Amino acid sequence: MKKFILLMMAVTFAVSASAYEKGTTYVAPLLGYHFFDTEHDLDDSVEAGIRLGGFLADKFAAELELDLAPTQEDPGSDNVNAVTAELNLVKYFELGQLKPYFFAGVGGMLHDDTNGLLALGIGAAYPVYKNMNIDFRVKDMIMTGSRNDVVPSIGLSFLFGTAKPVVAAEEPAPQPEAAAVVVEEKKPVDSDGDGVYDDADKCPATPAGAAVDADGCCLDSDGDGVKDYADKCPNTPAGAAVDADGCCLDTDGDGVKDYMDKCPGTAKGVKVSAEGCFEALTLNVNFKTNSAVIEDGYDGEIKAFSDYMKADSALKVEIQGHTDNKGSAAYNKKLSQRRAESVMNELVKYGVSADRLTAVGYGEEQPIVPNDTPENMFKNRRIETVAK
């Protein structure tokens, strides 16, 4: 309760130093009363000390405080000198000539042992003469071992250096007659250089060189949501979906932009018409020499194409079989027909209606590479699908 009352006294006792400036230094002899925490087993005692400080910035100072409190552990026992040293940071505020402040710092207290401490407090000062201020503060010292001491003190601060002294109750200096004020006409400003003055610019800070409207806002001539200065594809059709560069999207990657694509979602590798619809696809199904048997490993390719056809119920295709140039042309024609029928039957097995499929063998007539190596001949023994 005693400590709470002392802290309240410090709030109501509002006094402070004159307007302190960067570079000002001060020395302040002080007198206080040290209320020791009961954990110390020391009697409360008068305390004397000195503060040395300097202002690091306007109204912000660092100070060193040294204090001595002669006390006793028990009545009649030998005196014990409690010596305290602190390094504090102090922040001042202005209320006219009155300057309240608060401070915080670290230090230690030495008597029969040494205690580290954290110092917190509030205070104020008031000018009483040129470069001299009366200073009152209350300090709370929090120490190791859960000890808590309180010290109210009063001192005189003597200022040196660049601080401008403030004299209490000094008559205000006579003011020179006000000179005639010449009001210069303000020139209009265009901060972002877009040709629209700031007072009318609804879109300040537009990019350099960007075309703007009468309000100073960037143009979007094609209305696609991408401003002209960033639009790499100007004049996109109205309503067309675009990317961050303002270019029309081609979601399925078939080379036909979405706004023109009447068959979205075409499979990868499909050759499409100008409207984005299926025209042809080479199935990755190849055959051994003189064989129309579909080898293991091609089921996935055929299944994927059957799924594609079932998704597009209007699609009808011609299954085209092909051979290399080994054997007679007549024999290869029949072999390629059997190959086309083998794939068609697999598609039907996977659920594609037979009336949507036609099998045609083209023999060796349409090679895609010369039949000059075993590898190229293998490529020519293939299946193509073409829209009907």
Protein backbone atom coordinates (compact mmCIF):
# COMPACT_ATOMS: atom_id res chain seq x y z
CA MET A 1 0.00 0.00 0.00
CA LYS A 2 2.90 2.35 0.91
CA LYS A 3 4.46 1.84 -2.56
CA PHE A 4 1.16 2.44 -4.35
CA ILE A 5 0.65 5.77 -2.52
CA LEU A 6 4.16 6.91 -3.47
CA LEU A 7 3.56 6.09 -7.14
CA MET A 8 0.29 8.05 -7.07
CA MET A 9 2.14 11.01 -5.53
CA ALA A 10 4.54 10.99 -8.47
CA VAL A 11 1.67 11.19 -10.97
CA THR A 12 0.04 14.16 -9.23
CA PHE A 13 3.34 15.95 -8.47
CA ALA A 14 3.88 17.10 -12.08
CA VAL A 15 7.21 18.93 -12.55
CA SER A 16 9.80 18.76 -15.36
CA ALA A 17 12.93 20.07 -17.07
CA SER A 18 12.96 22.76 -19.74
CA ALA A 19 12.72 21.81 -23.39
CA TYR A 20 15.76 19.52 -23.74
CA GLU A 21 17.55 19.21 -27.04
CA LYS A 22 20.03 16.79 -28.58
CA GLY A 23 23.55 17.50 -27.29
CA THR A 24 22.47 18.93 -23.92
CA THR A 25 24.13 17.42 -20.85
CA TYR A 26 23.15 17.76 -17.21
CA VAL A 27 24.23 17.01 -13.65
CA ALA A 28 21.66 16.61 -10.88
CA PRO A 29 22.47 16.20 -7.15
CA LEU A 30 19.51 14.58 -5.41
CA LEU A 31 18.06 13.63 -2.08
CA GLY A 32 15.56 10.81 -1.55
CA TYR A 33 14.21 8.24 0.84
CA HIS A 34 14.88 4.52 0.27
CA PHE A 35 12.07 2.14 1.23
CA PHE A 36 13.74 -1.28 1.39
CA ASP A 37 11.84 -4.47 0.67
CA THR A 38 11.37 -6.52 3.87
CA GLU A 39 13.45 -9.28 2.25
CA HIS A 40 16.54 -7.09 2.68
CA ASP A 41 16.22 -6.89 6.52
CA LEU A 42 17.34 -3.26 6.22
CA ASP A 43 15.83 -0.16 7.82
CA ASP A 44 14.36 2.46 5.46
CA SER A 45 16.80 5.32 5.08
CA VAL A 46 17.54 8.76 3.66
CA GLU A 47 19.45 8.44 0.35
CA ALA A 48 21.78 10.87 -1.43
CA GLY A 49 22.98 10.65 -4.98
CA ILE A 50 23.88 12.26 -8.27
CA ARG A 51 22.75 11.86 -11.87
CA LEU A 52 24.90 12.52 -14.95
CA GLY A 53 23.08 12.57 -18.25
CA GLY A 54 23.04 13.63 -21.87
CA PHE A 55 20.37 13.93 -24.55
CA LEU A 56 20.74 11.47 -27.45
CA ALA A 57 17.82 13.14 -29.27
CA ASP A 58 15.29 15.84 -28.48
CA LYS A 59 13.46 14.84 -25.27
CA PHE A 60 15.31 11.50 -25.08
CA ALA A 61 18.22 11.12 -22.65
CA ALA A 62 20.56 8.50 -21.19
CA GLU A 63 21.76 8.96 -17.63
CA LEU A 64 23.97 7.34 -14.99
CA GLU A 65 22.70 7.53 -11.40
CA LEU A 66 24.78 6.75 -8.29
CA ASP A 67 23.08 6.62 -4.83
CA LEU A 68 24.19 5.99 -1.25
CA ALA A 69 21.78 5.03 1.58
CA PRO A 70 23.37 4.51 5.05
CA THR A 71 21.15 2.06 6.97
CA GLN A 72 21.13 -0.68 9.61
CA GLU A 73 20.09 -4.29 9.62
CA ASP A 74 18.81 -4.04 13.22
CA PRO A 75 18.45 -1.08 15.62
CA GLY A 76 21.81 -0.57 17.34
CA SER A 77 23.79 -2.65 14.83
CA ASP A 78 26.64 -1.38 12.66
CA ASN A 79 25.79 0.87 9.75
CA VAL A 80 25.45 -0.70 6.30
CA ASN A 81 25.99 1.43 3.21
CA ALA A 82 23.60 0.44 0.42
CA VAL A 83 25.19 1.67 -2.83
CA THR A 84 23.09 1.72 -6.00
CA ALA A 85 24.23 2.32 -9.59
CA GLU A 86 21.89 2.51 -12.61
CA LEU A 87 22.00 3.30 -16.30
CA ASN A 88 18.62 4.74 -17.36
CA LEU A 89 16.91 5.83 -20.56
CA VAL A 90 14.51 8.77 -20.09
CA LYS A 91 11.67 9.96 -22.35
CA TYR A 92 10.29 13.50 -21.79
CA PHE A 93 6.95 15.04 -22.82
CA GLU A 94 5.79 18.66 -23.05
CA LEU A 95 3.01 20.35 -21.08
CA GLY A 96 4.04 23.97 -21.55
CA GLN A 97 7.04 24.54 -19.27
CA LEU A 98 6.11 21.37 -17.42
CA LYS A 99 7.90 18.24 -18.71
CA PRO A 100 6.61 14.89 -17.36
CA TYR A 101 8.74 11.85 -18.14
CA PHE A 102 9.15 8.15 -17.56
CA PHE A 103 12.33 6.15 -17.41
CA ALA A 104 13.67 2.60 -17.32
CA GLY A 105 17.10 1.17 -16.73
CA VAL A 106 19.30 -1.58 -15.33
CA GLY A 107 21.90 -1.63 -12.59
CA GLY A 108 22.81 -3.16 -9.26
CA MET A 109 22.76 -2.55 -5.51
CA LEU A 110 25.64 -3.44 -3.18
CA HIS A 111 25.44 -3.79 0.64
CA ASP A 112 26.27 -7.11 2.27
CA ASP A 113 25.76 -8.77 -1.12
CA THR A 114 25.17 -7.69 -4.73
CA ASN A 115 21.73 -7.56 -6.36
CA GLY A 116 21.03 -6.94 -10.04
CA LEU A 117 18.03 -4.65 -10.59
CA LEU A 118 15.57 -3.32 -13.14
CA ALA A 119 14.60 0.32 -12.51
CA LEU A 120 11.23 1.71 -13.63
CA GLY A 121 9.75 5.06 -12.73
CA ILE A 122 8.01 8.30 -13.54
CA GLY A 123 8.73 11.91 -12.72
CA ALA A 124 8.70 15.47 -13.89
CA ALA A 125 10.74 18.69 -13.72
CA TYR A 126 10.10 22.42 -13.87
CA PRO A 127 12.42 25.39 -14.61
CA VAL A 128 13.25 27.52 -11.56
CA TYR A 129 16.10 29.55 -13.10
CA LYS A 130 18.17 29.77 -16.28
CA ASN A 131 19.52 26.28 -17.04
CA MET A 132 18.33 24.96 -13.66
CA ASN A 133 15.29 22.76 -13.01
CA ILE A 134 13.74 21.17 -9.98
CA ASP A 135 13.23 17.45 -10.56
CA PHE A 136 11.04 14.99 -8.68
CA ARG A 137 10.66 11.30 -9.42
CA VAL A 138 9.59 7.99 -7.93
CA LYS A 139 11.60 4.92 -8.79
CA ASP A 140 10.67 1.24 -8.39
CA MET A 141 13.65 -1.13 -8.26
CA ILE A 142 12.90 -4.77 -9.04
CA MET A 143 15.74 -7.01 -7.89
CA THR A 144 16.76 -10.62 -7.84
CA GLY A 145 15.21 -12.70 -5.11
CA SER A 146 11.79 -11.09 -5.72
CA ARG A 147 12.85 -7.91 -3.90
CA ASN A 148 11.18 -4.63 -4.67
CA ASP A 149 12.45 -1.26 -3.35
CA VAL A 150 10.80 2.14 -3.85
CA VAL A 151 12.71 5.45 -3.76
CA PRO A 152 11.05 8.90 -4.10
CA SER A 153 13.60 11.67 -4.66
CA ILE A 154 13.97 15.37 -5.42
CA GLY A 155 16.92 17.03 -7.13
CA LEU A 156 18.22 20.06 -9.02
CA SER A 157 19.24 19.60 -12.66
CA PHE A 158 21.95 21.90 -14.06
CA LEU A 159 21.90 21.99 -17.88
CA PHE A 160 24.92 22.50 -20.15
CA GLY A 161 25.39 22.62 -23.89
CA THR A 162 22.92 23.42 -26.64
CA ALA A 163 19.67 23.36 -24.72
CA LYS A 164 17.64 26.56 -24.89
CA PRO A 165 16.93 27.70 -21.30
CA VAL A 166 13.35 28.40 -20.30
CA VAL A 167 12.79 30.77 -17.39
CA ALA A 168 9.69 30.30 -15.24
CA ALA A 169 7.19 33.16 -15.35
CA GLU A 170 9.41 35.13 -17.77
CA GLU A 171 7.68 37.88 -19.65
CA PRO A 172 7.23 36.98 -23.30
CA ALA A 173 9.75 38.68 -25.57
CA PRO A 174 8.33 41.38 -27.79
CA GLN A 175 7.42 40.05 -31.18
CA PRO A 176 8.52 41.80 -34.36
CA GLU A 177 5.83 43.26 -36.51
CA ALA A 178 4.45 40.76 -38.93
CA ALA A 179 5.83 41.22 -42.38
CA ALA A 180 3.48 41.41 -45.26
CA VAL A 181 2.68 37.91 -46.45
CA VAL A 182 3.14 37.34 -50.14
CA VAL A 183 0.99 34.46 -51.32
CA GLU A 184 2.51 32.80 -54.32
CA GLU A 185 0.16 31.28 -56.80
CA LYS A 186 0.48 27.51 -56.64
CA LYS A 187 1.32 25.86 -59.92
CA PRO A 188 -0.69 22.76 -60.75
CA VAL A 189 1.19 19.52 -60.07
CA ASP A 190 1.13 16.28 -62.06
CA SER A 191 3.10 13.90 -59.80
CA ASP A 192 2.86 10.78 -61.99
CA GLY A 193 3.37 12.68 -65.26
CA ASP A 194 0.28 11.23 -66.95
CA GLY A 195 -1.04 14.60 -68.14
CA VAL A 196 -3.78 14.85 -65.46
CA TYR A 197 -3.10 17.25 -62.58
CA ASP A 198 -3.09 15.78 -59.07
CA ASP A 199 -6.23 17.63 -57.92
CA ALA A 200 -8.24 15.88 -60.67
CA ASP A 201 -6.30 12.59 -60.85
CA LYS A 202 -8.44 9.71 -59.53
CA CYS A 203 -5.67 7.17 -60.19
CA PRO A 204 -2.40 8.62 -58.88
CA ALA A 205 0.94 6.85 -59.46
CA THR A 206 0.04 5.37 -62.87
CA PRO A 207 3.06 3.71 -64.60
CA ALA A 208 5.24 5.95 -66.75
CA GLY A 209 4.05 6.08 -70.35
CA ALA A 210 0.69 4.40 -69.67
CA ALA A 211 -2.24 5.82 -71.63
CA VAL A 212 -4.90 7.27 -69.30
CA ASP A 213 -8.41 8.67 -69.49
CA ALA A 214 -9.60 12.12 -68.36
CA ASP A 215 -9.58 10.92 -64.72
CA GLY A 216 -5.93 9.82 -64.92
CA CYS A 217 -6.80 6.10 -64.88
CA CYS A 218 -5.11 3.57 -67.19
CA LEU A 219 -7.03 2.59 -70.31
CA ASP A 220 -8.33 -0.90 -71.07
CA SER A 221 -9.35 -0.40 -74.68
CA ASP A 222 -10.56 -3.95 -75.33
CA GLY A 223 -12.32 -4.30 -71.97
CA ASP A 224 -10.63 -7.59 -71.08
CA GLY A 225 -9.61 -6.48 -67.58
CA VAL A 226 -5.93 -6.02 -68.47
CA LYS A 227 -4.77 -2.41 -68.78
CA ASP A 228 -3.37 -1.36 -72.15
CA TYR A 229 0.17 -0.78 -70.85
CA ALA A 230 0.34 -4.43 -69.73
CA ASP A 231 -1.82 -5.96 -72.49
CA LYS A 232 0.30 -8.10 -74.83
CA CYS A 233 -2.75 -9.05 -76.92
CA PRO A 234 -4.79 -5.87 -77.57
CA ASN A 235 -8.18 -5.97 -79.27
CA THR A 236 -9.26 -9.34 -77.87
CA PRO A 237 -12.92 -10.10 -78.68
CA ALA A 238 -15.51 -8.92 -76.17
CA GLY A 239 -16.21 -11.53 -73.51
CA ALA A 240 -13.19 -13.69 -74.34
CA ALA A 241 -11.41 -15.15 -71.29
CA VAL A 242 -7.81 -13.93 -71.10
CA ASP A 243 -4.67 -14.57 -69.06
CA ALA A 244 -2.62 -12.05 -67.02
CA ASP A 245 -1.05 -10.75 -70.27
CA GLY A 246 -4.46 -10.08 -71.83
CA CYS A 247 -4.18 -12.96 -74.30
CA CYS A 248 -7.05 -15.32 -75.06
CA LEU A 249 -7.00 -18.67 -73.29
CA ASP A 250 -6.61 -22.04 -75.01
CA THR A 251 -7.48 -24.30 -72.08
CA ASP A 252 -7.21 -27.65 -73.85
CA GLY A 253 -4.08 -26.62 -75.79
CA ASP A 254 -5.44 -27.63 -79.19
CA GLY A 255 -4.42 -24.35 -80.86
CA VAL A 256 -7.99 -22.97 -80.98
CA LYS A 257 -8.74 -20.18 -78.49
CA ASP A 258 -11.50 -20.89 -75.99
CA TYR A 259 -13.88 -18.24 -77.34
CA MET A 260 -13.83 -20.00 -80.76
CA ASP A 261 -13.55 -23.59 -79.52
CA LYS A 262 -16.81 -25.46 -80.10
CA CYS A 263 -15.29 -28.69 -78.78
CA PRO A 264 -13.49 -27.86 -75.52
CA GLY A 265 -11.54 -30.55 -73.73
CA THR A 266 -10.03 -32.28 -76.78
CA ALA A 267 -7.38 -34.84 -75.88
CA LYS A 268 -3.69 -34.10 -76.15
CA GLY A 269 -2.28 -34.88 -79.59
CA VAL A 270 -5.63 -34.63 -81.39
CA LYS A 271 -5.60 -32.79 -84.72
CA VAL A 272 -8.59 -30.43 -84.68
CA SER A 273 -10.56 -28.31 -87.09
CA ALA A 274 -10.70 -24.49 -87.05
CA GLU A 275 -13.55 -24.82 -84.56
CA GLY A 276 -11.46 -26.98 -82.22
CA CYS A 277 -13.28 -30.24 -82.98
CA PHE A 278 -11.76 -33.68 -83.60
CA GLU A 279 -10.31 -34.37 -87.06
CA ALA A 280 -7.72 -37.09 -86.56
CA LEU A 281 -5.53 -38.86 -84.01
CA THR A 282 -2.68 -41.35 -84.37
CA LEU A 283 -3.19 -44.11 -81.83
CA ASN A 284 0.02 -45.39 -80.27
CA VAL A 285 -0.79 -48.94 -81.40
CA ASN A 286 1.81 -50.75 -83.53
CA PHE A 287 1.97 -54.33 -84.79
CA LYS A 288 4.55 -57.00 -85.30
CA THR A 289 5.44 -57.96 -88.86
CA ASN A 290 2.65 -59.92 -90.62
CA SER A 291 0.42 -59.67 -87.49
CA ALA A 292 -2.94 -58.11 -86.70
CA VAL A 293 -2.80 -59.09 -83.02
CA ILE A 294 -2.83 -56.17 -80.55
CA GLU A 295 0.14 -56.71 -78.28
CA ASP A 296 0.02 -56.30 -74.50
CA GLY A 297 0.58 -52.73 -73.38
CA TYR A 298 -1.71 -51.01 -75.89
CA ASP A 299 -4.96 -51.54 -73.97
CA GLY A 300 -4.54 -48.24 -72.10
CA GLU A 301 -4.24 -46.27 -75.34
CA ILE A 302 -7.38 -47.87 -76.81
CA LYS A 303 -9.30 -47.48 -73.55
CA ALA A 304 -8.42 -43.78 -73.37
CA PHE A 305 -9.69 -43.23 -76.93
CA SER A 306 -12.91 -45.10 -76.16
CA ASP A 307 -13.48 -42.79 -73.17
CA TYR A 308 -12.93 -39.80 -75.43
CA MET A 309 -15.49 -41.08 -77.95
CA LYS A 310 -18.03 -41.81 -75.24
CA ALA A 311 -17.63 -38.26 -73.95
CA ASP A 312 -18.37 -36.92 -77.44
CA SER A 313 -21.42 -38.94 -78.44
CA ALA A 314 -21.70 -37.23 -81.85
CA LEU A 315 -18.22 -38.26 -82.97
CA LYS A 316 -17.91 -40.93 -85.66
CA VAL A 317 -14.49 -42.12 -86.80
CA GLU A 318 -12.80 -44.24 -89.42
CA ILE A 319 -10.25 -46.67 -87.97
CA GLN A 320 -7.42 -46.80 -90.53
CA GLY A 321 -4.94 -49.70 -90.60
CA HIS A 322 -1.46 -49.40 -92.17
CA THR A 323 1.51 -51.68 -92.97
CA ASP A 324 5.14 -51.42 -94.03
CA ASN A 325 6.14 -52.37 -97.58
CA LYS A 326 7.14 -55.98 -96.90
CA GLY A 327 5.12 -58.43 -98.98
CA SER A 328 2.76 -57.72 -101.83
CA ALA A 329 0.52 -54.66 -101.90
CA ALA A 330 -2.59 -56.87 -102.11
CA TYR A 331 -1.57 -58.90 -99.07
CA ASN A 332 -0.71 -55.74 -97.11
CA LYS A 333 -4.12 -54.30 -97.94
CA LYS A 334 -5.85 -57.31 -96.34
CA LEU A 335 -3.44 -57.29 -93.35
CA SER A 336 -4.08 -53.61 -92.67
CA GLN A 337 -7.85 -54.26 -92.81
CA ARG A 338 -7.51 -56.95 -90.14
CA ARG A 339 -5.48 -54.58 -88.00
CA ALA A 340 -8.14 -51.86 -88.28
CA GLU A 341 -10.86 -54.37 -87.37
CA SER A 342 -8.87 -55.59 -84.35
CA VAL A 343 -8.78 -52.06 -82.91
CA MET A 344 -12.43 -51.41 -83.81
CA ASN A 345 -13.49 -54.57 -81.97
CA GLU A 346 -11.55 -53.45 -78.90
CA LEU A 347 -13.31 -50.07 -78.94
CA VAL A 348 -16.68 -51.81 -79.16
CA LYS A 349 -15.63 -54.02 -76.25
CA TYR A 350 -14.99 -50.83 -74.24
CA GLY A 351 -18.49 -49.53 -74.89
CA VAL A 352 -18.30 -47.52 -78.15
CA SER A 353 -21.30 -48.17 -80.41
CA ALA A 354 -20.28 -50.11 -83.56
CA ASP A 355 -22.37 -47.83 -85.80
CA ARG A 356 -19.98 -44.99 -84.96
CA LEU A 357 -16.95 -46.92 -86.20
CA THR A 358 -15.67 -47.91 -89.64
CA ALA A 359 -12.57 -50.06 -90.22
CA VAL A 360 -10.56 -49.45 -93.44
CA GLY A 361 -7.19 -50.93 -94.41
CA TYR A 362 -4.81 -48.76 -96.49
CA GLY A 363 -1.97 -51.27 -96.71
CA GLU A 364 1.42 -49.76 -97.51
CA GLU A 365 -0.01 -46.74 -99.37
CA GLN A 366 0.41 -44.08 -96.63
CA PRO A 367 3.75 -44.49 -94.84
CA ILE A 368 4.64 -41.76 -92.35
CA VAL A 369 8.41 -42.46 -92.63
CA PRO A 370 10.50 -44.25 -95.27
CA ASN A 371 10.56 -48.04 -94.92
CA ASP A 372 14.35 -48.07 -94.85
CA THR A 373 15.04 -49.36 -91.30
CA PRO A 374 13.36 -51.84 -88.95
CA GLU A 375 12.49 -48.96 -86.68
CA ASN A 376 10.77 -46.97 -89.41
CA MET A 377 8.93 -50.03 -90.65
CA PHE A 378 7.64 -50.55 -87.10
CA LYS A 379 6.33 -46.95 -87.07
CA ASN A 380 4.44 -47.53 -90.32
CA ARG A 381 2.64 -50.63 -88.92
CA ARG A 382 0.15 -48.38 -87.14
CA ILE A 383 -3.46 -47.26 -86.55
CA GLU A 384 -4.89 -43.84 -87.41
CA THR A 385 -8.34 -42.49 -86.49
CA VAL A 386 -10.07 -39.90 -88.65
CA ALA A 387 -13.41 -38.13 -88.13
CA LYS A 388 -16.14 -39.07 -90.64
